[in-house]
Amino acid sequence: MFLEEVNKVFPGYLEHYVADFNDNQNKILYEYHKDKGFEECTAEYNACGHNKNFSKVISDGTCYICALKQYLNERAV
């Protein structure tokens, strides 16, 4: 995993990376349209509390942040 390799060079990077994404705060996303300007395009949230866009990263629809958290937990054992 690429993030594991980065973590070898910068110890603790993976934990900070996951913690930053796991911060459940309201985020508003805007998309720019040449003829209309900025329009809100924020997605809804999954039951886990993370934005639905994170479930588009892994092909089976698993939440990317939840998968990373699980990976960190299993790695720590």
C-alpha atoms as a PDB file:
ATOM      1  CA  MET A   1       0.000   0.000   0.000  1.00  0.00           C
ATOM      2  CA  PHE A   2       1.360   3.398  -0.997  1.00  0.00           C
ATOM      3  CA  LEU A   3       0.396   4.996   2.321  1.00  0.00           C
ATOM      4  CA  GLU A   4       2.404   2.320   4.167  1.00  0.00           C
ATOM      5  CA  GLU A   5       5.482   3.273   2.142  1.00  0.00           C
ATOM      6  CA  VAL A   6       4.997   6.953   2.960  1.00  0.00           C
ATOM      7  CA  ASN A   7       4.590   6.000   6.613  1.00  0.00           C
ATOM      8  CA  LYS A   8       7.996   4.274   6.529  1.00  0.00           C
ATOM      9  CA  VAL A   9       9.616   7.512   5.388  1.00  0.00           C
ATOM     10  CA  PHE A  10       7.487   9.702   7.679  1.00  0.00           C
ATOM     11  CA  PRO A  11       6.572   7.636  10.772  1.00  0.00           C
ATOM     12  CA  GLY A  12       3.102   8.467  12.080  1.00  0.00           C
ATOM     13  CA  TYR A  13       1.906   9.850   8.734  1.00  0.00           C
ATOM     14  CA  LEU A  14      -0.753   7.179   8.262  1.00  0.00           C
ATOM     15  CA  GLU A  15      -2.322   7.806  11.667  1.00  0.00           C
ATOM     16  CA  HIS A  16      -2.456  11.567  11.025  1.00  0.00           C
ATOM     17  CA  TYR A  17      -3.834  11.022   7.513  1.00  0.00           C
ATOM     18  CA  VAL A  18      -6.708   8.915   8.848  1.00  0.00           C
ATOM     19  CA  ALA A  19      -7.374  11.264  11.773  1.00  0.00           C
ATOM     20  CA  ASP A  20      -7.673  14.245   9.413  1.00  0.00           C
ATOM     21  CA  PHE A  21     -10.225  12.490   7.206  1.00  0.00           C
ATOM     22  CA  ASN A  22     -12.067  10.976  10.168  1.00  0.00           C
ATOM     23  CA  ASP A  23     -12.854  14.428  11.551  1.00  0.00           C
ATOM     24  CA  ASN A  24     -16.643  14.481  11.157  1.00  0.00           C
ATOM     25  CA  GLN A  25     -17.336  18.114  10.455  1.00  0.00           C
ATOM     26  CA  ASN A  26     -19.799  19.603   8.030  1.00  0.00           C
ATOM     27  CA  LYS A  27     -18.022  20.286   4.785  1.00  0.00           C
ATOM     28  CA  ILE A  28     -19.678  22.135   1.962  1.00  0.00           C
ATOM     29  CA  LEU A  29     -18.429  21.413  -1.517  1.00  0.00           C
ATOM     30  CA  TYR A  30     -18.970  23.751  -4.437  1.00  0.00           C
ATOM     31  CA  GLU A  31     -18.588  23.098  -8.132  1.00  0.00           C
ATOM     32  CA  TYR A  32     -17.914  25.883 -10.605  1.00  0.00           C
ATOM     33  CA  HIS A  33     -20.021  26.143 -13.755  1.00  0.00           C
ATOM     34  CA  LYS A  34     -18.921  28.667 -16.351  1.00  0.00           C
ATOM     35  CA  ASP A  35     -22.459  29.898 -16.995  1.00  0.00           C
ATOM     36  CA  LYS A  36     -23.823  29.719 -13.422  1.00  0.00           C
ATOM     37  CA  GLY A  37     -20.858  30.294 -11.113  1.00  0.00           C
ATOM     38  CA  PHE A  38     -20.454  28.201  -7.983  1.00  0.00           C
ATOM     39  CA  GLU A  39     -23.176  25.698  -7.091  1.00  0.00           C
ATOM     40  CA  GLU A  40     -23.291  23.534  -4.011  1.00  0.00           C
ATOM     41  CA  CYS A  41     -22.705  19.845  -4.757  1.00  0.00           C
ATOM     42  CA  THR A  42     -22.194  18.443  -1.276  1.00  0.00           C
ATOM     43  CA  ALA A  43     -23.050  14.749  -0.997  1.00  0.00           C
ATOM     44  CA  GLU A  44     -25.039  13.189   1.818  1.00  0.00           C
ATOM     45  CA  TYR A  45     -23.472  11.175   4.626  1.00  0.00           C
ATOM     46  CA  ASN A  46     -23.276   7.405   5.099  1.00  0.00           C
ATOM     47  CA  ALA A  47     -24.540   5.744   8.280  1.00  0.00           C
ATOM     48  CA  CYS A  48     -20.925   5.683   9.501  1.00  0.00           C
ATOM     49  CA  GLY A  49     -20.917   9.502   9.469  1.00  0.00           C
ATOM     50  CA  HIS A  50     -18.524   9.943   6.560  1.00  0.00           C
ATOM     51  CA  ASN A  51     -19.436  11.637   3.301  1.00  0.00           C
ATOM     52  CA  LYS A  52     -20.883   9.291   0.666  1.00  0.00           C
ATOM     53  CA  ASN A  53     -18.104  10.289  -1.706  1.00  0.00           C
ATOM     54  CA  PHE A  54     -15.739   8.174   0.409  1.00  0.00           C
ATOM     55  CA  SER A  55     -17.702   5.088  -0.624  1.00  0.00           C
ATOM     56  CA  LYS A  56     -16.790   5.711  -4.274  1.00  0.00           C
ATOM     57  CA  VAL A  57     -13.079   5.057  -3.701  1.00  0.00           C
ATOM     58  CA  ILE A  58     -13.256   1.293  -3.126  1.00  0.00           C
ATOM     59  CA  SER A  59     -15.008  -0.700  -5.846  1.00  0.00           C
ATOM     60  CA  ASP A  60     -17.301  -2.620  -3.468  1.00  0.00           C
ATOM     61  CA  GLY A  61     -18.685   0.592  -1.934  1.00  0.00           C
ATOM     62  CA  THR A  62     -16.880   0.244   1.396  1.00  0.00           C
ATOM     63  CA  CYS A  63     -16.227   3.575   3.093  1.00  0.00           C
ATOM     64  CA  TYR A  64     -12.574   4.481   2.461  1.00  0.00           C
ATOM     65  CA  ILE A  65     -12.112   6.114   5.871  1.00  0.00           C
ATOM     66  CA  CYS A  66     -13.715   3.201   7.735  1.00  0.00           C
ATOM     67  CA  ALA A  67     -11.507   0.774   5.783  1.00  0.00           C
ATOM     68  CA  LEU A  68      -8.401   2.761   6.736  1.00  0.00           C
ATOM     69  CA  LYS A  69      -9.476   2.873  10.385  1.00  0.00           C
ATOM     70  CA  GLN A  70      -9.978  -0.896  10.350  1.00  0.00           C
ATOM     71  CA  TYR A  71      -6.576  -1.361   8.705  1.00  0.00           C
ATOM     72  CA  LEU A  72      -4.914   0.757  11.418  1.00  0.00           C
ATOM     73  CA  ASN A  73      -6.687  -1.210  14.170  1.00  0.00           C
ATOM     74  CA  GLU A  74      -5.623  -4.555  12.689  1.00  0.00           C
ATOM     75  CA  ARG A  75      -2.085  -3.274  12.155  1.00  0.00           C
ATOM     76  CA  ALA A  76      -1.846  -2.219  15.813  1.00  0.00           C
ATOM     77  CA  VAL A  77      -2.703  -5.714  17.092  1.00  0.00           C
END
